PDB file of N, CA and C in Angstrom:
ATOM      1  N   UNK A   1       0.625  -1.354   0.103  1.00  0.00           N
ATOM      2  CA  UNK A   1      -0.145   0.173  -0.040  1.00  0.00           C
ATOM      3  C   UNK A   1       0.861   1.493   0.000  1.00  0.00           C
ATOM      4  N   UNK A   2       0.624   2.173  -0.484  1.00  0.00           N
ATOM      5  CA  UNK A   2       1.087   3.149  -0.987  1.00  0.00           C
ATOM      6  C   UNK A   2       0.361   5.061  -0.150  1.00  0.00           C
ATOM      7  N   UNK A   3       1.549   5.728  -0.062  1.00  0.00           N
ATOM      8  CA  UNK A   3       0.484   6.202   1.021  1.00  0.00           C
ATOM      9  C   UNK A   3       0.553   7.676  -0.399  1.00  0.00           C
ATOM     10  N   UNK A   4      -0.759   8.074   0.418  1.00  0.00           N
ATOM     11  CA  UNK A   4      -1.038   9.509  -1.060  1.00  0.00           C
ATOM     12  C   UNK A   4      -0.914  10.936   0.323  1.00  0.00           C
ATOM     13  N   UNK A   5      -0.205  11.555  -0.484  1.00  0.00           N
ATOM     14  CA  UNK A   5      -0.133  13.275   0.877  1.00  0.00           C
ATOM     15  C   UNK A   5      -1.408  13.845   0.168  1.00  0.00           C
ATOM     16  N   UNK A   6      -1.990  14.739   1.249  1.00  0.00           N
ATOM     17  CA  UNK A   6      -3.265  14.927   1.190  1.00  0.00           C
ATOM     18  C   UNK A   6      -3.299  16.502   1.532  1.00  0.00           C
ATOM     19  N   UNK A   7      -1.826  16.621   2.769  1.00  0.00           N
ATOM     20  CA  UNK A   7      -2.074  18.133   3.074  1.00  0.00           C
ATOM     21  C   UNK A   7      -0.576  18.438   3.565  1.00  0.00           C
ATOM     22  N   UNK A   8      -0.311  19.370   3.344  1.00  0.00           N
ATOM     23  CA  UNK A   8       1.111  19.977   3.512  1.00  0.00           C
ATOM     24  C   UNK A   8       0.784  21.603   4.239  1.00  0.00           C
ATOM     25  N   UNK A   9       1.368  21.671   4.970  1.00  0.00           N
ATOM     26  CA  UNK A   9       1.369  23.090   5.787  1.00  0.00           C
ATOM     27  C   UNK A   9       2.580  23.688   6.489  1.00  0.00           C
ATOM     28  N   UNK A  10       2.587  24.489   6.581  1.00  0.00           N
ATOM     29  CA  UNK A  10       4.173  25.584   7.366  1.00  0.00           C
ATOM     30  C   UNK A  10       3.795  26.287   7.847  1.00  0.00           C
ATOM     31  N   UNK A  11       5.274  26.089   8.568  1.00  0.00           N
ATOM     32  CA  UNK A  11       4.789  27.579  10.198  1.00  0.00           C
ATOM     33  C   UNK A  11       6.289  28.073  10.273  1.00  0.00           C
ATOM     34  N   UNK A  12       5.576  28.648  11.275  1.00  0.00           N
ATOM     35  CA  UNK A  12       6.918  29.412  11.864  1.00  0.00           C
ATOM     36  C   UNK A  12       7.118  29.745  13.444  1.00  0.00           C
ATOM     37  N   UNK A  13       7.989  29.822  13.900  1.00  0.00           N
ATOM     38  CA  UNK A  13       7.743  29.202  15.510  1.00  0.00           C
ATOM     39  C   UNK A  13       9.168  30.770  16.205  1.00  0.00           C
ATOM     40  N   UNK A  14       9.023  31.306  17.276  1.00  0.00           N
ATOM     41  CA  UNK A  14      10.054  31.772  17.742  1.00  0.00           C
ATOM     42  C   UNK A  14      10.109  31.850  19.040  1.00  0.00           C
ATOM     43  N   UNK A  15      11.441  31.436  19.466  1.00  0.00           N
ATOM     44  CA  UNK A  15      11.614  31.504  21.254  1.00  0.00           C
ATOM     45  C   UNK A  15      12.469  32.657  21.069  1.00  0.00           C
ATOM     46  N   UNK A  16      11.711  34.201  21.851  1.00  0.00           N
ATOM     47  CA  UNK A  16      12.655  35.193  21.821  1.00  0.00           C
ATOM     48  C   UNK A  16      13.615  35.554  23.057  1.00  0.00           C
ATOM     49  N   UNK A  17      13.624  34.673  23.783  1.00  0.00           N
ATOM     50  CA  UNK A  17      14.164  34.816  25.204  1.00  0.00           C
ATOM     51  C   UNK A  17      14.773  33.250  25.395  1.00  0.00           C
ATOM     52  N   UNK A  18      16.028  32.985  26.080  1.00  0.00           N
ATOM     53  CA  UNK A  18      16.557  31.602  26.529  1.00  0.00           C
ATOM     54  C   UNK A  18      16.968  30.358  25.435  1.00  0.00           C
ATOM     55  N   UNK A  19      17.156  30.666  23.660  1.00  0.00           N
ATOM     56  CA  UNK A  19      17.241  29.719  23.032  1.00  0.00           C
ATOM     57  C   UNK A  19      16.977  28.736  23.073  1.00  0.00           C
ATOM     58  N   UNK A  20      15.772  28.645  23.143  1.00  0.00           N
ATOM     59  CA  UNK A  20      15.116  27.226  23.357  1.00  0.00           C
ATOM     60  C   UNK A  20      14.218  26.898  21.856  1.00  0.00           C
ATOM     61  N   UNK A  21      15.355  25.822  21.093  1.00  0.00           N
ATOM     62  CA  UNK A  21      14.760  25.272  20.398  1.00  0.00           C
ATOM     63  C   UNK A  21      13.487  24.532  19.933  1.00  0.00           C
ATOM     64  N   UNK A  22      13.496  23.904  21.136  1.00  0.00           N
ATOM     65  CA  UNK A  22      12.304  23.080  21.032  1.00  0.00           C
ATOM     66  C   UNK A  22      10.711  23.863  21.298  1.00  0.00           C
ATOM     67  N   UNK A  23      10.860  25.009  22.572  1.00  0.00           N
ATOM     68  CA  UNK A  23       9.738  25.826  22.365  1.00  0.00           C
ATOM     69  C   UNK A  23       9.626  26.507  20.988  1.00  0.00           C
ATOM     70  N   UNK A  24      10.785  27.039  19.989  1.00  0.00           N
ATOM     71  CA  UNK A  24      10.172  28.033  18.923  1.00  0.00           C
ATOM     72  C   UNK A  24       9.477  26.464  17.679  1.00  0.00           C
ATOM     73  N   UNK A  25       9.827  25.064  17.947  1.00  0.00           N
ATOM     74  CA  UNK A  25       9.761  24.427  16.992  1.00  0.00           C
ATOM     75  C   UNK A  25       8.368  24.027  17.465  1.00  0.00           C
ATOM     76  N   UNK A  26       7.826  23.991  18.989  1.00  0.00           N
ATOM     77  CA  UNK A  26       6.600  23.351  19.429  1.00  0.00           C
ATOM     78  C   UNK A  26       5.228  24.736  18.148  1.00  0.00           C
ATOM     79  N   UNK A  27       6.061  25.988  18.373  1.00  0.00           N
ATOM     80  CA  UNK A  27       5.323  27.162  18.312  1.00  0.00           C
ATOM     81  C   UNK A  27       5.491  26.910  16.408  1.00  0.00           C
ATOM     82  N   UNK A  28       5.980  26.585  16.043  1.00  0.00           N
ATOM     83  CA  UNK A  28       6.236  26.608  13.856  1.00  0.00           C
ATOM     84  C   UNK A  28       5.328  25.144  13.845  1.00  0.00           C
ATOM     85  N   UNK A  29       4.990  24.570  14.453  1.00  0.00           N
ATOM     86  CA  UNK A  29       4.057  23.228  14.307  1.00  0.00           C
ATOM     87  C   UNK A  29       2.698  23.914  14.919  1.00  0.00           C
ATOM     88  N   UNK A  30       2.401  24.569  16.407  1.00  0.00           N
ATOM     89  CA  UNK A  30       1.308  24.993  16.569  1.00  0.00           C
ATOM     90  C   UNK A  30       0.585  25.973  14.923  1.00  0.00           C
ATOM     91  N   UNK A  31       1.570  26.963  14.500  1.00  0.00           N
ATOM     92  CA  UNK A  31       1.576  28.021  13.528  1.00  0.00           C
ATOM     93  C   UNK A  31       1.087  26.915  12.080  1.00  0.00           C
ATOM     94  N   UNK A  32       1.561  26.334  12.212  1.00  0.00           N
ATOM     95  CA  UNK A  32       1.100  25.024  11.087  1.00  0.00           C
ATOM     96  C   UNK A  32      -0.384  24.803  10.720  1.00  0.00           C
ATOM     97  N   UNK A  33      -0.841  24.392  12.144  1.00  0.00           N
ATOM     98  CA  UNK A  33      -1.663  23.779  12.026  1.00  0.00           C
ATOM     99  C   UNK A  33      -2.710  24.271  12.814  1.00  0.00           C
ATOM    100  N   UNK A  34      -2.576  25.222  13.200  1.00  0.00           N
ATOM    101  CA  UNK A  34      -3.669  26.450  13.455  1.00  0.00           C
ATOM    102  C   UNK A  34      -5.121  26.378  13.173  1.00  0.00           C
ATOM    103  N   UNK A  35      -4.809  26.653  11.264  1.00  0.00           N
ATOM    104  CA  UNK A  35      -6.212  26.898  10.984  1.00  0.00           C
ATOM    105  C   UNK A  35      -6.428  25.621   9.587  1.00  0.00           C
ATOM    106  N   UNK A  36      -5.909  24.998  10.135  1.00  0.00           N
ATOM    107  CA  UNK A  36      -6.674  23.362   9.636  1.00  0.00           C
ATOM    108  C   UNK A  36      -7.712  22.917  10.300  1.00  0.00           C
ATOM    109  N   UNK A  37      -8.594  22.338   9.503  1.00  0.00           N
ATOM    110  CA  UNK A  37      -9.985  21.508  10.086  1.00  0.00           C
ATOM    111  C   UNK A  37     -10.071  20.618   9.080  1.00  0.00           C
ATOM    112  N   UNK A  38      -9.331  19.720   9.334  1.00  0.00           N
ATOM    113  CA  UNK A  38      -9.561  17.998   7.995  1.00  0.00           C
ATOM    114  C   UNK A  38     -10.764  17.080   8.352  1.00  0.00           C
ATOM    115  N   UNK A  39     -11.100  17.523   7.335  1.00  0.00           N
ATOM    116  CA  UNK A  39     -12.587  16.381   7.851  1.00  0.00           C
ATOM    117  C   UNK A  39     -13.224  15.535   6.396  1.00  0.00           C
ATOM    118  N   UNK A  40     -11.965  15.096   5.270  1.00  0.00           N
ATOM    119  CA  UNK A  40     -12.380  14.426   4.186  1.00  0.00           C
ATOM    120  C   UNK A  40     -12.199  12.948   4.764  1.00  0.00           C
ATOM    121  N   UNK A  41     -11.322  12.475   5.745  1.00  0.00           N
ATOM    122  CA  UNK A  41     -11.771  11.243   6.367  1.00  0.00           C
ATOM    123  C   UNK A  41     -12.768  10.174   6.034  1.00  0.00           C
ATOM    124  N   UNK A  42     -14.321  10.681   6.392  1.00  0.00           N
ATOM    125  CA  UNK A  42     -15.000   9.816   5.773  1.00  0.00           C
ATOM    126  C   UNK A  42     -15.062   9.304   4.564  1.00  0.00           C
ATOM    127  N   UNK A  43     -14.432  10.180   3.509  1.00  0.00           N
ATOM    128  CA  UNK A  43     -14.671  10.457   2.318  1.00  0.00           C
ATOM    129  C   UNK A  43     -14.244   8.859   1.758  1.00  0.00           C
ATOM    130  N   UNK A  44     -12.807   8.786   2.165  1.00  0.00           N
ATOM    131  CA  UNK A  44     -11.810   7.284   1.836  1.00  0.00           C
ATOM    132  C   UNK A  44     -12.272   6.658   2.859  1.00  0.00           C
ATOM    133  N   UNK A  45     -13.370   6.187   3.712  1.00  0.00           N
ATOM    134  CA  UNK A  45     -13.251   5.092   4.576  1.00  0.00           C
ATOM    135  C   UNK A  45     -12.466   5.371   5.922  1.00  0.00           C
ATOM    136  N   UNK A  46     -11.448   6.470   6.160  1.00  0.00           N
ATOM    137  CA  UNK A  46     -10.550   6.001   7.200  1.00  0.00           C
ATOM    138  C   UNK A  46     -11.131   7.440   8.547  1.00  0.00           C
ATOM    139  N   UNK A  47     -10.271   7.215   9.568  1.00  0.00           N
ATOM    140  CA  UNK A  47     -10.242   8.186  10.537  1.00  0.00           C
ATOM    141  C   UNK A  47      -9.131   8.993  10.601  1.00  0.00           C
ATOM    142  N   UNK A  48      -9.266  10.289  11.353  1.00  0.00           N
ATOM    143  CA  UNK A  48      -7.646  10.904  11.734  1.00  0.00           C
ATOM    144  C   UNK A  48      -6.939  10.509  12.252  1.00  0.00           C
ATOM    145  N   UNK A  49      -7.344   9.278  13.185  1.00  0.00           N
ATOM    146  CA  UNK A  49      -6.029   8.485  13.490  1.00  0.00           C
ATOM    147  C   UNK A  49      -5.322   7.795  12.593  1.00  0.00           C
ATOM    148  N   UNK A  50      -5.829   7.660  11.245  1.00  0.00           N
ATOM    149  CA  UNK A  50      -5.399   6.929  10.025  1.00  0.00           C
ATOM    150  C   UNK A  50      -3.741   7.715   9.362  1.00  0.00           C
ATOM    151  N   UNK A  51      -4.288   8.784   9.517  1.00  0.00           N
ATOM    152  CA  UNK A  51      -3.276   9.590   9.265  1.00  0.00           C
ATOM    153  C   UNK A  51      -1.642   9.656   9.933  1.00  0.00           C
ATOM    154  N   UNK A  52      -0.635   9.624   8.633  1.00  0.00           N
ATOM    155  CA  UNK A  52       0.211   9.892   8.642  1.00  0.00           C
ATOM    156  C   UNK A  52       1.182  11.461   9.122  1.00  0.00           C
ATOM    157  N   UNK A  53       1.823  11.482   9.939  1.00  0.00           N
ATOM    158  CA  UNK A  53       2.294  12.959   9.910  1.00  0.00           C
ATOM    159  C   UNK A  53       3.320  12.874  10.198  1.00  0.00           C
ATOM    160  N   UNK A  54       4.140  13.802   8.875  1.00  0.00           N
ATOM    161  CA  UNK A  54       5.365  13.404   8.933  1.00  0.00           C
ATOM    162  C   UNK A  54       5.978  15.071   9.309  1.00  0.00           C
ATOM    163  N   UNK A  55       6.845  15.403  10.309  1.00  0.00           N
ATOM    164  CA  UNK A  55       6.991  17.025  10.405  1.00  0.00           C
ATOM    165  C   UNK A  55       8.221  16.671  10.334  1.00  0.00           C
ATOM    166  N   UNK A  56       9.098  18.705   9.475  1.00  0.00           N
ATOM    167  CA  UNK A  56      10.095  18.769   9.738  1.00  0.00           C
ATOM    168  C   UNK A  56      10.439  19.546   9.982  1.00  0.00           C
ATOM    169  N   UNK A  57      10.777  19.952  11.503  1.00  0.00           N
ATOM    170  CA  UNK A  57      11.771  21.170  12.285  1.00  0.00           C
ATOM    171  C   UNK A  57      13.232  21.747  11.674  1.00  0.00           C
ATOM    172  N   UNK A  58      13.375  23.191  11.268  1.00  0.00           N
ATOM    173  CA  UNK A  58      14.108  23.646  10.673  1.00  0.00           C
ATOM    174  C   UNK A  58      14.596  24.612  11.896  1.00  0.00           C
ATOM    175  N   UNK A  59      15.940  24.244  12.518  1.00  0.00           N
ATOM    176  CA  UNK A  59      16.364  25.172  13.640  1.00  0.00           C
ATOM    177  C   UNK A  59      17.777  25.087  13.855  1.00  0.00           C
ATOM    178  N   UNK A  60      18.781  26.131  13.617  1.00  0.00           N
ATOM    179  CA  UNK A  60      20.157  26.230  13.924  1.00  0.00           C
ATOM    180  C   UNK A  60      20.905  25.312  14.840  1.00  0.00           C
ATOM    181  N   UNK A  61      19.984  24.625  15.300  1.00  0.00           N
ATOM    182  CA  UNK A  61      20.970  23.630  16.609  1.00  0.00           C
ATOM    183  C   UNK A  61      19.991  22.124  16.664  1.00  0.00           C
ATOM    184  N   UNK A  62      19.397  21.311  15.197  1.00  0.00           N
ATOM    185  CA  UNK A  62      18.946  20.330  15.440  1.00  0.00           C
ATOM    186  C   UNK A  62      19.060  19.144  16.628  1.00  0.00           C
ATOM    187  N   UNK A  63      20.135  19.269  17.161  1.00  0.00           N
ATOM    188  CA  UNK A  63      20.182  18.264  18.604  1.00  0.00           C
ATOM    189  C   UNK A  63      19.479  18.742  19.372  1.00  0.00           C
ATOM    190  N   UNK A  64      19.448  20.162  19.545  1.00  0.00           N
ATOM    191  CA  UNK A  64      18.890  20.551  20.863  1.00  0.00           C
ATOM    192  C   UNK A  64      17.323  20.373  21.311  1.00  0.00           C
ATOM    193  N   UNK A  65      16.655  19.732  19.651  1.00  0.00           N
ATOM    194  CA  UNK A  65      14.937  20.064  19.660  1.00  0.00           C
ATOM    195  C   UNK A  65      14.311  18.318  20.220  1.00  0.00           C
ATOM    196  N   UNK A  66      13.725  18.683  21.524  1.00  0.00           N
ATOM    197  CA  UNK A  66      12.970  17.484  21.831  1.00  0.00           C
ATOM    198  C   UNK A  66      11.941  17.161  21.055  1.00  0.00           C
ATOM    199  N   UNK A  67      12.147  16.135  20.109  1.00  0.00           N
ATOM    200  CA  UNK A  67      11.350  15.843  18.917  1.00  0.00           C
ATOM    201  C   UNK A  67       9.887  15.366  19.509  1.00  0.00           C
ATOM    202  N   UNK A  68      10.077  14.567  20.790  1.00  0.00           N
ATOM    203  CA  UNK A  68       8.623  13.663  21.085  1.00  0.00           C
ATOM    204  C   UNK A  68       7.895  14.928  21.668  1.00  0.00           C
ATOM    205  N   UNK A  69       8.378  16.244  22.341  1.00  0.00           N
ATOM    206  CA  UNK A  69       7.817  17.199  23.085  1.00  0.00           C
ATOM    207  C   UNK A  69       7.199  17.635  21.647  1.00  0.00           C
ATOM    208  N   UNK A  70       7.705  18.006  20.635  1.00  0.00           N
ATOM    209  CA  UNK A  70       7.073  18.306  19.454  1.00  0.00           C
ATOM    210  C   UNK A  70       6.220  17.622  19.215  1.00  0.00           C
ATOM    211  N   UNK A  71       6.141  16.357  18.739  1.00  0.00           N
ATOM    212  CA  UNK A  71       4.969  15.684  18.457  1.00  0.00           C
ATOM    213  C   UNK A  71       4.193  16.022  19.317  1.00  0.00           C
ATOM    214  N   UNK A  72       4.121  15.892  20.446  1.00  0.00           N
ATOM    215  CA  UNK A  72       2.963  16.487  21.426  1.00  0.00           C
ATOM    216  C   UNK A  72       1.854  17.275  21.081  1.00  0.00           C
ATOM    217  N   UNK A  73       2.141  18.339  20.186  1.00  0.00           N
ATOM    218  CA  UNK A  73       2.002  19.530  19.232  1.00  0.00           C
ATOM    219  C   UNK A  73       0.673  18.816  18.042  1.00  0.00           C
ATOM    220  N   UNK A  74       0.647  17.539  18.022  1.00  0.00           N
ATOM    221  CA  UNK A  74      -0.183  17.058  16.799  1.00  0.00           C
ATOM    222  C   UNK A  74      -1.066  15.822  17.397  1.00  0.00           C
ATOM    223  N   UNK A  75      -2.196  16.087  17.704  1.00  0.00           N
ATOM    224  CA  UNK A  75      -3.007  15.697  18.859  1.00  0.00           C
ATOM    225  C   UNK A  75      -3.642  14.103  17.586  1.00  0.00           C
ATOM    226  N   UNK A  76      -3.569  13.723  16.887  1.00  0.00           N
ATOM    227  CA  UNK A  76      -3.554  12.570  16.092  1.00  0.00           C
ATOM    228  C   UNK A  76      -2.696  11.797  14.873  1.00  0.00           C
ATOM    229  N   UNK A  77      -3.024  10.731  14.451  1.00  0.00           N
ATOM    230  CA  UNK A  77      -2.034  10.199  13.600  1.00  0.00           C
ATOM    231  C   UNK A  77      -0.903   9.862  14.389  1.00  0.00           C
ATOM    232  N   UNK A  78      -0.090   9.122  13.322  1.00  0.00           N
ATOM    233  CA  UNK A  78       0.917   8.261  13.477  1.00  0.00           C
ATOM    234  C   UNK A  78       2.031   9.859  13.385  1.00  0.00           C
ATOM    235  N   UNK A  79       2.792   9.950  13.962  1.00  0.00           N
ATOM    236  CA  UNK A  79       3.884  11.132  13.968  1.00  0.00           C
ATOM    237  C   UNK A  79       5.020  10.750  13.867  1.00  0.00           C
ATOM    238  N   UNK A  80       5.467  11.403  13.190  1.00  0.00           N
ATOM    239  CA  UNK A  80       7.342  11.797  13.129  1.00  0.00           C
ATOM    240  C   UNK A  80       7.869  12.773  13.278  1.00  0.00           C
ATOM    241  N   UNK A  81       8.582  13.092  14.270  1.00  0.00           N
ATOM    242  CA  UNK A  81       9.352  14.417  13.727  1.00  0.00           C
ATOM    243  C   UNK A  81      11.224  14.138  13.632  1.00  0.00           C
ATOM    244  N   UNK A  82      11.451  14.993  12.625  1.00  0.00           N
ATOM    245  CA  UNK A  82      12.863  15.290  12.369  1.00  0.00           C
ATOM    246  C   UNK A  82      13.230  16.593  12.204  1.00  0.00           C
ATOM    247  N   UNK A  83      14.175  16.463  13.282  1.00  0.00           N
ATOM    248  CA  UNK A  83      15.130  18.296  12.719  1.00  0.00           C
ATOM    249  C   UNK A  83      16.038  18.671  12.362  1.00  0.00           C
ATOM    250  N   UNK A  84      15.953  19.009  11.506  1.00  0.00           N
ATOM    251  CA  UNK A  84      17.041  19.652  10.424  1.00  0.00           C
ATOM    252  C   UNK A  84      17.755  21.303  10.622  1.00  0.00           C
ATOM    253  N   UNK A  85      18.878  20.877  10.615  1.00  0.00           N
ATOM    254  CA  UNK A  85      19.951  22.318  10.303  1.00  0.00           C
ATOM    255  C   UNK A  85      18.995  23.373   9.307  1.00  0.00           C
ATOM    256  N   UNK A  86      18.644  24.396   9.970  1.00  0.00           N
ATOM    257  CA  UNK A  86      18.215  25.361   9.459  1.00  0.00           C
ATOM    258  C   UNK A  86      18.021  26.477  10.014  1.00  0.00           C
ATOM    259  N   UNK A  87      16.423  27.033  10.170  1.00  0.00           N
ATOM    260  CA  UNK A  87      15.814  27.995  10.866  1.00  0.00           C
ATOM    261  C   UNK A  87      16.879  29.316  10.688  1.00  0.00           C
ATOM    262  N   UNK A  88      17.158  29.927  12.018  1.00  0.00           N
ATOM    263  CA  UNK A  88      17.412  31.333  11.715  1.00  0.00           C
ATOM    264  C   UNK A  88      17.750  31.604  13.312  1.00  0.00           C
ATOM    265  N   UNK A  89      19.475  31.899  14.011  1.00  0.00           N
ATOM    266  CA  UNK A  89      19.673  32.562  15.498  1.00  0.00           C
ATOM    267  C   UNK A  89      20.172  33.734  14.887  1.00  0.00           C
ATOM    268  N   UNK A  90      19.247  34.790  16.207  1.00  0.00           N
ATOM    269  CA  UNK A  90      19.554  36.176  15.813  1.00  0.00           C
ATOM    270  C   UNK A  90      20.260  36.229  17.269  1.00  0.00           C
ATOM    271  N   UNK A  91      21.474  36.780  17.441  1.00  0.00           N
ATOM    272  CA  UNK A  91      22.175  36.800  18.224  1.00  0.00           C
ATOM    273  C   UNK A  91      21.689  38.395  19.006  1.00  0.00           C
ATOM    274  N   UNK A  92      21.257  38.953  20.405  1.00  0.00           N
ATOM    275  CA  UNK A  92      20.962  39.989  20.898  1.00  0.00           C
ATOM    276  C   UNK A  92      21.832  40.702  21.024  1.00  0.00           C
ATOM    277  N   UNK A  93      22.010  42.382  21.304  1.00  0.00           N
ATOM    278  CA  UNK A  93      22.641  43.462  20.886  1.00  0.00           C
ATOM    279  C   UNK A  93      23.472  43.250  21.688  1.00  0.00           C
ATOM    280  N   UNK A  94      23.315  42.790  23.240  1.00  0.00           N
ATOM    281  CA  UNK A  94      24.459  42.940  24.333  1.00  0.00           C
ATOM    282  C   UNK A  94      25.124  41.214  24.124  1.00  0.00           C
ATOM    283  N   UNK A  95      24.816  39.802  23.355  1.00  0.00           N
ATOM    284  CA  UNK A  95      25.390  39.484  23.186  1.00  0.00           C
ATOM    285  C   UNK A  95      24.961  37.746  23.935  1.00  0.00           C
ATOM    286  N   UNK A  96      24.200  38.331  25.064  1.00  0.00           N
ATOM    287  CA  UNK A  96      23.904  37.268  25.979  1.00  0.00           C
ATOM    288  C   UNK A  96      22.662  36.475  25.816  1.00  0.00           C
ATOM    289  N   UNK A  97      22.054  36.677  24.340  1.00  0.00           N
ATOM    290  CA  UNK A  97      21.087  35.245  24.359  1.00  0.00           C
ATOM    291  C   UNK A  97      20.835  35.747  23.166  1.00  0.00           C
ATOM    292  N   UNK A  98      19.757  34.628  22.553  1.00  0.00           N
ATOM    293  CA  UNK A  98      19.594  35.292  21.066  1.00  0.00           C
ATOM    294  C   UNK A  98      17.815  34.931  20.723  1.00  0.00           C
ATOM    295  N   UNK A  99      17.432  35.032  19.830  1.00  0.00           N
ATOM    296  CA  UNK A  99      16.439  35.231  18.912  1.00  0.00           C
ATOM    297  C   UNK A  99      16.454  34.065  18.442  1.00  0.00           C
ATOM    298  N   UNK A 100      15.694  32.536  18.602  1.00  0.00           N
ATOM    299  CA  UNK A 100      15.597  31.474  17.904  1.00  0.00           C
ATOM    300  C   UNK A 100      14.381  31.422  17.542  1.00  0.00           C
ATOM    301  N   UNK A 101      14.848  30.846  15.560  1.00  0.00           N
ATOM    302  CA  UNK A 101      13.327  30.851  14.582  1.00  0.00           C
ATOM    303  C   UNK A 101      13.682  29.686  13.916  1.00  0.00           C
ATOM    304  N   UNK A 102      12.046  28.945  14.172  1.00  0.00           N
ATOM    305  CA  UNK A 102      12.342  27.248  13.940  1.00  0.00           C
ATOM    306  C   UNK A 102      11.108  27.610  12.386  1.00  0.00           C
ATOM    307  N   UNK A 103      11.210  26.850  11.481  1.00  0.00           N
ATOM    308  CA  UNK A 103      10.603  26.595  10.566  1.00  0.00           C
ATOM    309  C   UNK A 103       9.699  25.329  10.391  1.00  0.00           C
ATOM    310  N   UNK A 104       8.436  24.984  10.112  1.00  0.00           N
ATOM    311  CA  UNK A 104       8.147  23.320  10.336  1.00  0.00           C
ATOM    312  C   UNK A 104       7.558  23.050   8.827  1.00  0.00           C
ATOM    313  N   UNK A 105       7.614  22.482   8.215  1.00  0.00           N
ATOM    314  CA  UNK A 105       7.231  21.674   7.314  1.00  0.00           C
ATOM    315  C   UNK A 105       5.949  20.166   7.783  1.00  0.00           C
ATOM    316  N   UNK A 106       4.697  20.353   7.832  1.00  0.00           N
ATOM    317  CA  UNK A 106       3.555  19.160   7.824  1.00  0.00           C
ATOM    318  C   UNK A 106       3.053  18.797   7.288  1.00  0.00           C
ATOM    319  N   UNK A 107       3.333  17.617   6.926  1.00  0.00           N
ATOM    320  CA  UNK A 107       2.876  16.496   5.827  1.00  0.00           C
ATOM    321  C   UNK A 107       2.171  15.532   6.440  1.00  0.00           C
ATOM    322  N   UNK A 108       0.703  15.956   5.852  1.00  0.00           N
ATOM    323  CA  UNK A 108      -0.305  14.688   5.834  1.00  0.00           C
ATOM    324  C   UNK A 108      -0.712  13.530   4.935  1.00  0.00           C
ATOM    325  N   UNK A 109      -0.492  12.701   4.948  1.00  0.00           N
ATOM    326  CA  UNK A 109      -0.630  11.374   4.313  1.00  0.00           C
ATOM    327  C   UNK A 109      -1.252  10.203   4.843  1.00  0.00           C
ATOM    328  N   UNK A 110      -1.989   9.409   3.881  1.00  0.00           N
ATOM    329  CA  UNK A 110      -3.100   8.453   4.121  1.00  0.00           C
ATOM    330  C   UNK A 110      -2.540   7.369   3.513  1.00  0.00           C
ATOM    331  N   UNK A 111      -2.870   6.193   3.647  1.00  0.00           N
ATOM    332  CA  UNK A 111      -2.712   4.963   3.261  1.00  0.00           C
ATOM    333  C   UNK A 111      -4.104   4.759   1.519  1.00  0.00           C
ATOM    334  N   UNK A 112      -2.957   4.697   0.879  1.00  0.00           N
ATOM    335  CA  UNK A 112      -4.221   4.527  -0.407  1.00  0.00           C
ATOM    336  C   UNK A 112      -5.312   3.564  -0.352  1.00  0.00           C
ATOM    337  N   UNK A 113      -5.333   2.390   0.889  1.00  0.00           N
ATOM    338  CA  UNK A 113      -5.919   1.163   0.874  1.00  0.00           C
ATOM    339  C   UNK A 113      -6.233   0.445  -0.495  1.00  0.00           C
ATOM    340  N   UNK A 114      -5.365   0.809  -1.707  1.00  0.00           N
ATOM    341  CA  UNK A 114      -4.858  -0.330  -2.958  1.00  0.00           C
ATOM    342  C   UNK A 114      -5.033  -1.586  -2.488  1.00  0.00           C
ATOM    343  N   UNK A 115      -4.715  -2.099  -1.654  1.00  0.00           N
ATOM    344  CA  UNK A 115      -4.086  -3.208  -1.074  1.00  0.00           C
ATOM    345  C   UNK A 115      -5.124  -3.811  -0.689  1.00  0.00           C
ATOM    346  N   UNK A 116      -6.452  -3.565   0.365  1.00  0.00           N
ATOM    347  CA  UNK A 116      -7.090  -3.875   0.944  1.00  0.00           C
ATOM    348  C   UNK A 116      -8.217  -5.205  -0.475  1.00  0.00           C
TER     349      UNK A 116
END
């Protein structure tokens, strides 16, 4: 069975103080899904729990992202979160802090059910 892409959402999140990449990533995912209301599942004989949600988070320090915490932003489906190098870090004028900007791509796929 093959997965069919149904939805692609993008978002941006920021942590203004503290260099918290996970906080910025969670906000980016929330931004990406905030305006979505997915209601096509009955048309294809599936439920929202049947979807696969693949999230890519881009931040300056991918190793600092708690991907399990980011996954909790998505209430349904089988969620996979991958952190990659990207985003943006803007040093504070005083040099003691930074603004971290994360970008999120949220891609929803469902099984095409052709093998059933």
